[in-house]
Amino acid sequence: MRKAFMTIFSTAALLSLASAAFAAGDAMAAIGTISWATAIGMGLAAAGCGLGQGLGLKAACEGTARNPEAGGKITVTLILGLAFIESLAIYALVVCLILLFAHPFAKIITG
């Protein structure tokens, strides 16, 4: 149920932001809308990655507390997982910076 709710919520959020960006009449309004969209997108990406890292750290601490002998293997797996999660935030930052500074949709919007 939660997965379906998150899918529907994220789809609705993306559709509402896209319609606002394409409905903008002039280039400056479109750039302003794209700026807000990148800010919201990066905020959501950072929040999601933060939650993922927190849950991973929580599970690693619980695993180490239950089985202290496996602490080394758990730590290696945790660091690898945290690196993968952090790479998602970096990818989101790159996409947001491309949208913010390259303005790939400005020509489409202005015609």
N, C-alpha and C. Protein backbone atom coordinates (compact mmCIF):
# COMPACT_ATOMS: atom_id res chain seq x y z
N MET A 1 0.82 -1.19 0.00
CA MET A 1 0.00 0.00 0.00
C MET A 1 0.87 1.26 0.00
N ARG A 2 1.94 1.24 0.80
CA ARG A 2 2.80 2.41 0.89
C ARG A 2 3.53 2.66 -0.43
N LYS A 3 3.96 1.58 -1.08
CA LYS A 3 4.67 1.71 -2.34
C LYS A 3 3.75 2.29 -3.42
N ALA A 4 2.51 1.84 -3.44
CA ALA A 4 1.56 2.37 -4.41
C ALA A 4 1.27 3.84 -4.14
N PHE A 5 1.14 4.21 -2.87
CA PHE A 5 0.91 5.60 -2.52
C PHE A 5 2.07 6.49 -2.94
N MET A 6 3.28 6.03 -2.69
CA MET A 6 4.46 6.82 -3.07
C MET A 6 4.56 6.96 -4.59
N THR A 7 4.22 5.91 -5.32
CA THR A 7 4.26 5.97 -6.78
C THR A 7 3.24 6.96 -7.29
N ILE A 8 2.04 6.92 -6.77
CA ILE A 8 1.00 7.85 -7.20
C ILE A 8 1.37 9.28 -6.80
N PHE A 9 1.88 9.46 -5.60
CA PHE A 9 2.25 10.80 -5.15
C PHE A 9 3.37 11.40 -5.99
N SER A 10 4.40 10.61 -6.27
CA SER A 10 5.52 11.13 -7.06
C SER A 10 5.10 11.41 -8.50
N THR A 11 4.24 10.58 -9.06
CA THR A 11 3.74 10.84 -10.41
C THR A 11 2.93 12.12 -10.46
N ALA A 12 2.07 12.32 -9.48
CA ALA A 12 1.27 13.54 -9.44
C ALA A 12 2.14 14.78 -9.26
N ALA A 13 3.17 14.68 -8.43
CA ALA A 13 4.07 15.82 -8.22
C ALA A 13 4.82 16.16 -9.50
N LEU A 14 5.32 15.14 -10.20
CA LEU A 14 6.05 15.39 -11.44
C LEU A 14 5.14 15.98 -12.51
N LEU A 15 3.92 15.48 -12.60
CA LEU A 15 2.99 16.01 -13.60
C LEU A 15 2.59 17.45 -13.30
N SER A 16 2.42 17.78 -12.03
CA SER A 16 2.05 19.16 -11.70
C SER A 16 3.20 20.13 -11.97
N LEU A 17 4.43 19.73 -11.69
CA LEU A 17 5.56 20.60 -11.97
C LEU A 17 5.80 20.74 -13.47
N ALA A 18 5.62 19.66 -14.22
CA ALA A 18 5.85 19.72 -15.66
C ALA A 18 4.81 20.61 -16.32
N SER A 19 3.57 20.53 -15.90
CA SER A 19 2.54 21.38 -16.52
C SER A 19 2.79 22.85 -16.22
N ALA A 20 3.28 23.16 -15.03
CA ALA A 20 3.59 24.55 -14.72
C ALA A 20 4.75 25.06 -15.55
N ALA A 21 5.73 24.20 -15.80
CA ALA A 21 6.88 24.62 -16.60
C ALA A 21 6.49 24.84 -18.05
N PHE A 22 5.66 23.98 -18.60
CA PHE A 22 5.28 24.11 -20.00
C PHE A 22 4.21 25.18 -20.22
N ALA A 23 3.48 25.56 -19.18
CA ALA A 23 2.44 26.56 -19.32
C ALA A 23 2.99 27.97 -19.21
N ALA A 24 4.23 28.12 -18.82
CA ALA A 24 4.82 29.45 -18.67
C ALA A 24 4.89 30.13 -20.03
N GLY A 25 4.51 31.40 -20.06
CA GLY A 25 4.43 32.11 -21.32
C GLY A 25 5.76 32.60 -21.84
N ASP A 26 6.56 33.20 -21.02
CA ASP A 26 7.83 33.75 -21.49
C ASP A 26 9.00 32.95 -20.91
N ALA A 27 10.17 33.23 -21.42
CA ALA A 27 11.36 32.46 -21.03
C ALA A 27 11.72 32.70 -19.57
N MET A 28 11.56 33.93 -19.08
CA MET A 28 11.94 34.21 -17.69
C MET A 28 11.03 33.48 -16.71
N ALA A 29 9.74 33.40 -17.02
CA ALA A 29 8.84 32.65 -16.15
C ALA A 29 9.18 31.17 -16.18
N ALA A 30 9.55 30.68 -17.36
CA ALA A 30 9.93 29.27 -17.48
C ALA A 30 11.19 28.99 -16.68
N ILE A 31 12.15 29.90 -16.74
CA ILE A 31 13.39 29.71 -15.99
C ILE A 31 13.11 29.75 -14.49
N GLY A 32 12.21 30.63 -14.07
CA GLY A 32 11.84 30.68 -12.66
C GLY A 32 11.16 29.40 -12.21
N THR A 33 10.31 28.85 -13.07
CA THR A 33 9.64 27.59 -12.74
C THR A 33 10.65 26.46 -12.70
N ILE A 34 11.58 26.45 -13.63
CA ILE A 34 12.61 25.42 -13.63
C ILE A 34 13.47 25.54 -12.37
N SER A 35 13.72 26.76 -11.93
CA SER A 35 14.51 26.96 -10.71
C SER A 35 13.80 26.36 -9.51
N TRP A 36 12.50 26.61 -9.41
CA TRP A 36 11.74 26.03 -8.30
C TRP A 36 11.70 24.51 -8.41
N ALA A 37 11.54 23.99 -9.61
CA ALA A 37 11.48 22.54 -9.80
C ALA A 37 12.80 21.88 -9.41
N THR A 38 13.92 22.51 -9.76
CA THR A 38 15.21 21.93 -9.38
C THR A 38 15.42 21.99 -7.87
N ALA A 39 14.97 23.07 -7.25
CA ALA A 39 15.10 23.17 -5.79
C ALA A 39 14.27 22.10 -5.09
N ILE A 40 13.05 21.91 -5.54
CA ILE A 40 12.19 20.90 -4.93
C ILE A 40 12.73 19.50 -5.22
N GLY A 41 13.20 19.28 -6.45
CA GLY A 41 13.75 17.98 -6.80
C GLY A 41 14.98 17.62 -5.98
N MET A 42 15.87 18.58 -5.80
CA MET A 42 17.07 18.30 -5.00
C MET A 42 16.71 18.10 -3.54
N GLY A 43 15.73 18.84 -3.05
CA GLY A 43 15.29 18.65 -1.67
C GLY A 43 14.70 17.27 -1.44
N LEU A 44 13.88 16.81 -2.40
CA LEU A 44 13.31 15.47 -2.27
C LEU A 44 14.39 14.39 -2.38
N ALA A 45 15.34 14.60 -3.27
CA ALA A 45 16.43 13.62 -3.41
C ALA A 45 17.27 13.56 -2.14
N ALA A 46 17.59 14.71 -1.57
CA ALA A 46 18.38 14.74 -0.34
C ALA A 46 17.61 14.11 0.82
N ALA A 47 16.31 14.38 0.89
CA ALA A 47 15.51 13.80 1.96
C ALA A 47 15.43 12.28 1.81
N GLY A 48 15.22 11.81 0.59
CA GLY A 48 15.14 10.36 0.36
C GLY A 48 16.46 9.66 0.66
N CYS A 49 17.55 10.27 0.24
CA CYS A 49 18.86 9.67 0.51
C CYS A 49 19.17 9.70 2.00
N GLY A 50 18.79 10.76 2.68
CA GLY A 50 19.00 10.84 4.12
C GLY A 50 18.21 9.77 4.86
N LEU A 51 16.96 9.55 4.45
CA LEU A 51 16.17 8.49 5.07
C LEU A 51 16.78 7.11 4.80
N GLY A 52 17.22 6.90 3.57
CA GLY A 52 17.83 5.62 3.23
C GLY A 52 19.11 5.36 4.02
N GLN A 53 19.93 6.39 4.16
CA GLN A 53 21.16 6.23 4.93
C GLN A 53 20.85 5.99 6.41
N GLY A 54 19.86 6.68 6.92
CA GLY A 54 19.50 6.47 8.32
C GLY A 54 18.99 5.07 8.59
N LEU A 55 18.15 4.57 7.68
CA LEU A 55 17.64 3.20 7.86
C LEU A 55 18.77 2.18 7.74
N GLY A 56 19.70 2.42 6.82
CA GLY A 56 20.83 1.50 6.68
C GLY A 56 21.72 1.49 7.91
N LEU A 57 21.98 2.66 8.45
CA LEU A 57 22.80 2.76 9.66
C LEU A 57 22.10 2.11 10.85
N LYS A 58 20.80 2.29 10.93
CA LYS A 58 20.04 1.67 12.01
C LYS A 58 20.13 0.15 11.94
N ALA A 59 19.97 -0.40 10.74
CA ALA A 59 20.05 -1.85 10.57
C ALA A 59 21.45 -2.37 10.86
N ALA A 60 22.48 -1.61 10.48
CA ALA A 60 23.85 -2.04 10.75
C ALA A 60 24.13 -2.03 12.25
N CYS A 61 23.65 -1.02 12.95
CA CYS A 61 23.85 -0.98 14.41
C CYS A 61 23.13 -2.13 15.09
N GLU A 62 21.91 -2.42 14.65
CA GLU A 62 21.17 -3.54 15.25
C GLU A 62 21.86 -4.86 14.95
N GLY A 63 22.37 -5.02 13.73
CA GLY A 63 23.07 -6.26 13.38
C GLY A 63 24.34 -6.44 14.18
N THR A 64 25.08 -5.37 14.38
CA THR A 64 26.30 -5.45 15.17
C THR A 64 25.98 -5.73 16.63
N ALA A 65 24.90 -5.16 17.13
CA ALA A 65 24.52 -5.41 18.52
C ALA A 65 24.11 -6.87 18.73
N ARG A 66 23.47 -7.47 17.74
CA ARG A 66 23.04 -8.86 17.87
C ARG A 66 24.20 -9.83 17.69
N ASN A 67 25.12 -9.49 16.78
CA ASN A 67 26.22 -10.39 16.48
C ASN A 67 27.51 -9.57 16.36
N PRO A 68 28.19 -9.31 17.47
CA PRO A 68 29.38 -8.46 17.43
C PRO A 68 30.53 -9.04 16.59
N GLU A 69 30.58 -10.37 16.42
CA GLU A 69 31.66 -10.97 15.63
C GLU A 69 31.55 -10.61 14.15
N ALA A 70 30.35 -10.32 13.69
CA ALA A 70 30.14 -10.00 12.27
C ALA A 70 30.23 -8.50 12.01
N GLY A 71 30.73 -7.75 12.98
CA GLY A 71 30.80 -6.29 12.85
C GLY A 71 31.64 -5.82 11.68
N GLY A 72 32.74 -6.51 11.40
CA GLY A 72 33.60 -6.11 10.28
C GLY A 72 32.91 -6.24 8.94
N LYS A 73 32.24 -7.37 8.71
CA LYS A 73 31.52 -7.59 7.45
C LYS A 73 30.35 -6.61 7.32
N ILE A 74 29.68 -6.37 8.42
CA ILE A 74 28.55 -5.44 8.40
C ILE A 74 29.02 -4.03 8.08
N THR A 75 30.16 -3.65 8.64
CA THR A 75 30.70 -2.30 8.39
C THR A 75 31.08 -2.12 6.93
N VAL A 76 31.71 -3.12 6.33
CA VAL A 76 32.09 -3.03 4.92
C VAL A 76 30.85 -2.91 4.04
N THR A 77 29.85 -3.74 4.32
CA THR A 77 28.61 -3.68 3.55
C THR A 77 27.91 -2.35 3.75
N LEU A 78 27.92 -1.84 4.97
CA LEU A 78 27.29 -0.55 5.26
C LEU A 78 27.96 0.58 4.49
N ILE A 79 29.27 0.62 4.50
CA ILE A 79 29.98 1.70 3.80
C ILE A 79 29.73 1.62 2.30
N LEU A 80 29.70 0.42 1.75
CA LEU A 80 29.40 0.25 0.33
C LEU A 80 27.97 0.71 0.01
N GLY A 81 27.03 0.33 0.84
CA GLY A 81 25.64 0.75 0.64
C GLY A 81 25.47 2.26 0.76
N LEU A 82 26.15 2.87 1.74
CA LEU A 82 26.06 4.31 1.90
C LEU A 82 26.67 5.03 0.70
N ALA A 83 27.72 4.47 0.12
CA ALA A 83 28.31 5.08 -1.08
C ALA A 83 27.34 5.03 -2.25
N PHE A 84 26.62 3.91 -2.40
CA PHE A 84 25.63 3.81 -3.47
C PHE A 84 24.49 4.80 -3.27
N ILE A 85 24.03 4.93 -2.04
CA ILE A 85 22.95 5.87 -1.76
C ILE A 85 23.41 7.30 -2.01
N GLU A 86 24.61 7.62 -1.60
CA GLU A 86 25.13 8.97 -1.80
C GLU A 86 25.33 9.28 -3.28
N SER A 87 25.66 8.25 -4.07
CA SER A 87 25.80 8.48 -5.51
C SER A 87 24.47 8.88 -6.13
N LEU A 88 23.36 8.38 -5.60
CA LEU A 88 22.05 8.80 -6.10
C LEU A 88 21.81 10.29 -5.85
N ALA A 89 22.23 10.77 -4.70
CA ALA A 89 22.10 12.21 -4.41
C ALA A 89 22.98 13.03 -5.35
N ILE A 90 24.16 12.53 -5.66
CA ILE A 90 25.05 13.25 -6.58
C ILE A 90 24.46 13.26 -7.98
N TYR A 91 23.86 12.14 -8.43
CA TYR A 91 23.20 12.12 -9.73
C TYR A 91 22.06 13.12 -9.78
N ALA A 92 21.28 13.19 -8.71
CA ALA A 92 20.18 14.16 -8.66
C ALA A 92 20.72 15.59 -8.71
N LEU A 93 21.83 15.85 -8.04
CA LEU A 93 22.44 17.17 -8.08
C LEU A 93 22.89 17.51 -9.50
N VAL A 94 23.49 16.56 -10.20
CA VAL A 94 23.94 16.80 -11.57
C VAL A 94 22.75 17.11 -12.48
N VAL A 95 21.68 16.34 -12.36
CA VAL A 95 20.49 16.59 -13.18
C VAL A 95 19.90 17.97 -12.86
N CYS A 96 19.84 18.31 -11.59
CA CYS A 96 19.30 19.62 -11.21
C CYS A 96 20.18 20.76 -11.73
N LEU A 97 21.48 20.60 -11.67
CA LEU A 97 22.37 21.64 -12.20
C LEU A 97 22.26 21.76 -13.72
N ILE A 98 22.09 20.65 -14.41
CA ILE A 98 21.89 20.72 -15.86
C ILE A 98 20.60 21.46 -16.16
N LEU A 99 19.53 21.14 -15.45
CA LEU A 99 18.26 21.84 -15.67
C LEU A 99 18.36 23.32 -15.33
N LEU A 100 19.13 23.63 -14.31
CA LEU A 100 19.20 25.01 -13.85
C LEU A 100 20.06 25.88 -14.76
N PHE A 101 21.18 25.36 -15.23
CA PHE A 101 22.11 26.20 -15.97
C PHE A 101 22.10 26.00 -17.49
N ALA A 102 21.72 24.83 -17.96
CA ALA A 102 21.74 24.59 -19.40
C ALA A 102 20.43 25.00 -20.06
N HIS A 103 19.33 25.03 -19.31
CA HIS A 103 18.00 25.39 -19.81
C HIS A 103 17.64 24.60 -21.06
N PRO A 104 17.60 23.27 -20.98
CA PRO A 104 17.30 22.49 -22.19
C PRO A 104 15.88 22.67 -22.70
N PHE A 105 14.95 23.10 -21.82
CA PHE A 105 13.57 23.23 -22.25
C PHE A 105 13.18 24.66 -22.59
N ALA A 106 14.10 25.60 -22.46
CA ALA A 106 13.75 27.01 -22.70
C ALA A 106 13.35 27.24 -24.16
N LYS A 107 14.00 26.58 -25.10
CA LYS A 107 13.65 26.75 -26.51
C LYS A 107 12.31 26.12 -26.84
N ILE A 108 12.01 25.01 -26.18
CA ILE A 108 10.73 24.34 -26.41
C ILE A 108 9.59 25.21 -25.90
N ILE A 109 9.78 25.82 -24.72
CA ILE A 109 8.73 26.61 -24.10
C ILE A 109 8.49 27.91 -24.89
N THR A 110 9.58 28.57 -25.28
CA THR A 110 9.42 29.86 -25.95
C THR A 110 9.04 29.71 -27.42
N GLY A 111 9.29 28.56 -27.98
CA GLY A 111 8.87 28.32 -29.36
C GLY A 111 9.86 28.66 -30.34
